[in-house]
Amino acid sequence: MDTLFVIKELAAKQFGGEPDGIDADAPVDQLGIDSLGFLEFLFELEDRFGFPIPQDSVTGVRTLRELAAAIDALTATAKSPASS
């Protein structure tokens, strides 16, 4: 699954536009996403990906591409074997 594409699809659905027309490298506030909207967007992403996204893991996120990288890192951590 292409995480960035899923994020762009959900962003288009929630904030308007077409997924291909969303600049993944633009700051999220330029996409019309305020802090409350971003938080609601994270809840949608949690539902879509099926795991919680801790707010501290996305604190420095400024673009959708950075958000995709953060989610990919969480996914990799969740899939790695737990250390004893």
N, C-alpha and C. Protein backbone atom coordinates (compact mmCIF):
# COMPACT_ATOMS: atom_id res chain seq x y z
N MET A 1 0.85 -1.17 0.00
CA MET A 1 0.00 0.00 0.00
C MET A 1 0.90 1.24 0.00
N ASP A 2 0.57 2.19 -0.82
CA ASP A 2 1.31 3.44 -0.88
C ASP A 2 0.71 4.41 0.13
N THR A 3 1.41 4.60 1.22
CA THR A 3 0.92 5.41 2.32
C THR A 3 0.60 6.84 1.88
N LEU A 4 1.49 7.42 1.09
CA LEU A 4 1.27 8.80 0.66
C LEU A 4 0.01 8.91 -0.19
N PHE A 5 -0.23 7.95 -1.06
CA PHE A 5 -1.43 7.99 -1.88
C PHE A 5 -2.69 7.90 -1.02
N VAL A 6 -2.68 7.01 -0.04
CA VAL A 6 -3.83 6.87 0.87
C VAL A 6 -4.08 8.19 1.59
N ILE A 7 -3.01 8.82 2.07
CA ILE A 7 -3.14 10.10 2.77
C ILE A 7 -3.71 11.15 1.83
N LYS A 8 -3.22 11.19 0.60
CA LYS A 8 -3.73 12.18 -0.35
C LYS A 8 -5.19 11.93 -0.69
N GLU A 9 -5.57 10.66 -0.80
CA GLU A 9 -6.99 10.33 -1.05
C GLU A 9 -7.88 10.83 0.10
N LEU A 10 -7.45 10.54 1.32
CA LEU A 10 -8.24 10.98 2.48
C LEU A 10 -8.26 12.50 2.61
N ALA A 11 -7.14 13.14 2.30
CA ALA A 11 -7.08 14.60 2.36
C ALA A 11 -8.03 15.20 1.33
N ALA A 12 -8.06 14.63 0.13
CA ALA A 12 -8.96 15.12 -0.91
C ALA A 12 -10.41 14.95 -0.49
N LYS A 13 -10.70 13.81 0.11
CA LYS A 13 -12.07 13.54 0.56
C LYS A 13 -12.49 14.50 1.68
N GLN A 14 -11.59 14.72 2.63
CA GLN A 14 -11.93 15.52 3.80
C GLN A 14 -11.83 17.03 3.53
N PHE A 15 -10.88 17.44 2.70
CA PHE A 15 -10.63 18.88 2.53
C PHE A 15 -10.94 19.38 1.12
N GLY A 16 -11.33 18.48 0.23
CA GLY A 16 -11.70 18.87 -1.12
C GLY A 16 -10.55 18.74 -2.10
N GLY A 17 -10.90 18.64 -3.37
CA GLY A 17 -9.90 18.52 -4.41
C GLY A 17 -9.74 17.09 -4.88
N GLU A 18 -8.74 16.91 -5.71
CA GLU A 18 -8.41 15.59 -6.25
C GLU A 18 -7.07 15.15 -5.67
N PRO A 19 -6.91 13.86 -5.38
CA PRO A 19 -5.65 13.38 -4.81
C PRO A 19 -4.42 13.78 -5.63
N ASP A 20 -4.53 13.69 -6.96
CA ASP A 20 -3.39 14.02 -7.80
C ASP A 20 -3.07 15.51 -7.79
N GLY A 21 -4.03 16.33 -7.41
CA GLY A 21 -3.83 17.77 -7.37
C GLY A 21 -3.27 18.28 -6.06
N ILE A 22 -3.09 17.38 -5.09
CA ILE A 22 -2.59 17.79 -3.78
C ILE A 22 -1.07 17.70 -3.78
N ASP A 23 -0.43 18.80 -3.43
CA ASP A 23 1.02 18.86 -3.34
C ASP A 23 1.46 18.26 -2.01
N ALA A 24 2.07 17.09 -2.07
CA ALA A 24 2.47 16.38 -0.85
C ALA A 24 3.58 17.09 -0.10
N ASP A 25 4.25 18.04 -0.76
CA ASP A 25 5.35 18.75 -0.12
C ASP A 25 4.98 20.15 0.36
N ALA A 26 3.72 20.53 0.16
CA ALA A 26 3.25 21.84 0.64
C ALA A 26 2.96 21.74 2.13
N PRO A 27 3.23 22.80 2.87
CA PRO A 27 2.85 22.80 4.30
C PRO A 27 1.35 22.56 4.42
N VAL A 28 0.96 21.78 5.42
CA VAL A 28 -0.45 21.41 5.55
C VAL A 28 -1.36 22.62 5.71
N ASP A 29 -0.86 23.69 6.34
CA ASP A 29 -1.72 24.86 6.48
C ASP A 29 -2.01 25.51 5.13
N GLN A 30 -1.12 25.35 4.15
CA GLN A 30 -1.38 25.86 2.80
C GLN A 30 -2.42 25.02 2.07
N LEU A 31 -2.66 23.82 2.58
CA LEU A 31 -3.68 22.95 2.00
C LEU A 31 -5.04 23.20 2.63
N GLY A 32 -5.08 24.15 3.55
CA GLY A 32 -6.34 24.48 4.22
C GLY A 32 -6.62 23.61 5.43
N ILE A 33 -5.58 23.00 5.98
CA ILE A 33 -5.73 22.12 7.14
C ILE A 33 -5.22 22.86 8.37
N ASP A 34 -6.13 23.22 9.28
CA ASP A 34 -5.71 23.87 10.52
C ASP A 34 -5.40 22.80 11.57
N SER A 35 -5.00 23.21 12.75
CA SER A 35 -4.59 22.24 13.77
C SER A 35 -5.72 21.31 14.18
N LEU A 36 -6.93 21.82 14.31
CA LEU A 36 -8.06 20.96 14.65
C LEU A 36 -8.38 20.00 13.49
N GLY A 37 -8.34 20.52 12.29
CA GLY A 37 -8.57 19.68 11.11
C GLY A 37 -7.52 18.59 10.99
N PHE A 38 -6.27 18.92 11.34
CA PHE A 38 -5.19 17.93 11.29
C PHE A 38 -5.44 16.83 12.30
N LEU A 39 -5.88 17.21 13.49
CA LEU A 39 -6.18 16.22 14.53
C LEU A 39 -7.31 15.29 14.07
N GLU A 40 -8.36 15.85 13.51
CA GLU A 40 -9.46 15.03 12.98
C GLU A 40 -8.98 14.14 11.84
N PHE A 41 -8.08 14.68 11.03
CA PHE A 41 -7.50 13.92 9.92
C PHE A 41 -6.71 12.72 10.46
N LEU A 42 -5.99 12.92 11.56
CA LEU A 42 -5.25 11.82 12.18
C LEU A 42 -6.19 10.71 12.64
N PHE A 43 -7.35 11.09 13.18
CA PHE A 43 -8.33 10.07 13.59
C PHE A 43 -8.80 9.26 12.38
N GLU A 44 -9.02 9.93 11.26
CA GLU A 44 -9.42 9.24 10.02
C GLU A 44 -8.31 8.28 9.57
N LEU A 45 -7.08 8.75 9.67
CA LEU A 45 -5.95 7.90 9.28
C LEU A 45 -5.81 6.69 10.19
N GLU A 46 -6.05 6.89 11.47
CA GLU A 46 -6.01 5.75 12.40
C GLU A 46 -7.04 4.70 12.01
N ASP A 47 -8.23 5.15 11.66
CA ASP A 47 -9.27 4.21 11.21
C ASP A 47 -8.84 3.50 9.94
N ARG A 48 -8.27 4.24 9.02
CA ARG A 48 -7.88 3.67 7.72
C ARG A 48 -6.74 2.66 7.85
N PHE A 49 -5.72 3.02 8.67
CA PHE A 49 -4.55 2.16 8.79
C PHE A 49 -4.71 1.10 9.88
N GLY A 50 -5.66 1.30 10.78
CA GLY A 50 -5.95 0.27 11.78
C GLY A 50 -5.02 0.25 12.98
N PHE A 51 -4.36 1.35 13.26
CA PHE A 51 -3.54 1.43 14.48
C PHE A 51 -3.48 2.89 14.93
N PRO A 52 -3.22 3.10 16.24
CA PRO A 52 -3.16 4.47 16.75
C PRO A 52 -1.92 5.20 16.23
N ILE A 53 -2.08 6.49 16.01
CA ILE A 53 -0.97 7.35 15.60
C ILE A 53 -0.73 8.33 16.75
N PRO A 54 0.29 8.07 17.57
CA PRO A 54 0.54 8.96 18.70
C PRO A 54 0.86 10.37 18.23
N GLN A 55 0.27 11.35 18.88
CA GLN A 55 0.49 12.74 18.48
C GLN A 55 1.96 13.13 18.53
N ASP A 56 2.69 12.57 19.50
CA ASP A 56 4.11 12.93 19.58
C ASP A 56 4.92 12.42 18.39
N SER A 57 4.40 11.43 17.68
CA SER A 57 5.11 10.92 16.51
C SER A 57 4.91 11.80 15.28
N VAL A 58 3.95 12.72 15.35
CA VAL A 58 3.68 13.60 14.20
C VAL A 58 3.80 15.07 14.58
N THR A 59 4.40 15.36 15.73
CA THR A 59 4.50 16.74 16.20
C THR A 59 5.24 17.64 15.21
N GLY A 60 6.32 17.18 14.65
CA GLY A 60 7.12 18.01 13.73
C GLY A 60 6.68 17.94 12.29
N VAL A 61 5.62 17.21 12.01
CA VAL A 61 5.16 17.02 10.63
C VAL A 61 4.62 18.33 10.07
N ARG A 62 5.12 18.69 8.88
CA ARG A 62 4.67 19.92 8.24
C ARG A 62 4.02 19.67 6.88
N THR A 63 4.28 18.49 6.29
CA THR A 63 3.74 18.17 4.97
C THR A 63 3.11 16.79 4.98
N LEU A 64 2.32 16.50 3.97
CA LEU A 64 1.73 15.16 3.87
C LEU A 64 2.80 14.11 3.61
N ARG A 65 3.87 14.47 2.90
CA ARG A 65 4.96 13.51 2.68
C ARG A 65 5.63 13.15 4.00
N GLU A 66 5.84 14.15 4.87
CA GLU A 66 6.41 13.88 6.20
C GLU A 66 5.46 13.02 7.03
N LEU A 67 4.17 13.26 6.89
CA LEU A 67 3.17 12.45 7.59
C LEU A 67 3.23 11.00 7.12
N ALA A 68 3.37 10.81 5.82
CA ALA A 68 3.47 9.45 5.27
C ALA A 68 4.72 8.75 5.82
N ALA A 69 5.84 9.47 5.89
CA ALA A 69 7.07 8.88 6.43
C ALA A 69 6.90 8.49 7.90
N ALA A 70 6.22 9.35 8.66
CA ALA A 70 5.98 9.05 10.08
C ALA A 70 5.10 7.81 10.23
N ILE A 71 4.08 7.71 9.40
CA ILE A 71 3.19 6.54 9.47
C ILE A 71 3.92 5.28 9.03
N ASP A 72 4.76 5.40 7.99
CA ASP A 72 5.55 4.25 7.55
C ASP A 72 6.49 3.78 8.66
N ALA A 73 7.07 4.73 9.40
CA ALA A 73 7.95 4.37 10.51
C ALA A 73 7.17 3.66 11.62
N LEU A 74 5.97 4.14 11.91
CA LEU A 74 5.12 3.48 12.91
C LEU A 74 4.74 2.08 12.45
N THR A 75 4.44 1.94 11.17
CA THR A 75 4.08 0.64 10.62
C THR A 75 5.24 -0.33 10.74
N ALA A 76 6.44 0.14 10.41
CA ALA A 76 7.63 -0.71 10.49
C ALA A 76 7.89 -1.13 11.93
N THR A 77 7.70 -0.22 12.87
CA THR A 77 7.90 -0.53 14.29
C THR A 77 6.86 -1.55 14.75
N ALA A 78 5.63 -1.39 14.31
CA ALA A 78 4.57 -2.30 14.72
C ALA A 78 4.79 -3.70 14.17
N LYS A 79 5.40 -3.80 13.00
CA LYS A 79 5.61 -5.10 12.36
C LYS A 79 6.88 -5.79 12.83
N SER A 80 7.80 -5.04 13.44
CA SER A 80 9.04 -5.67 13.88
C SER A 80 8.79 -6.51 15.13
N PRO A 81 9.53 -7.58 15.28
CA PRO A 81 9.33 -8.43 16.45
C PRO A 81 9.65 -7.66 17.74
N ALA A 82 8.84 -7.88 18.73
CA ALA A 82 9.03 -7.21 20.03
C ALA A 82 10.30 -7.74 20.68
N SER A 83 11.06 -6.83 21.22
CA SER A 83 12.26 -7.28 21.92
C SER A 83 11.93 -7.64 23.35
N SER A 84 12.66 -8.59 23.88
CA SER A 84 12.38 -9.08 25.23
C SER A 84 13.00 -8.21 26.27
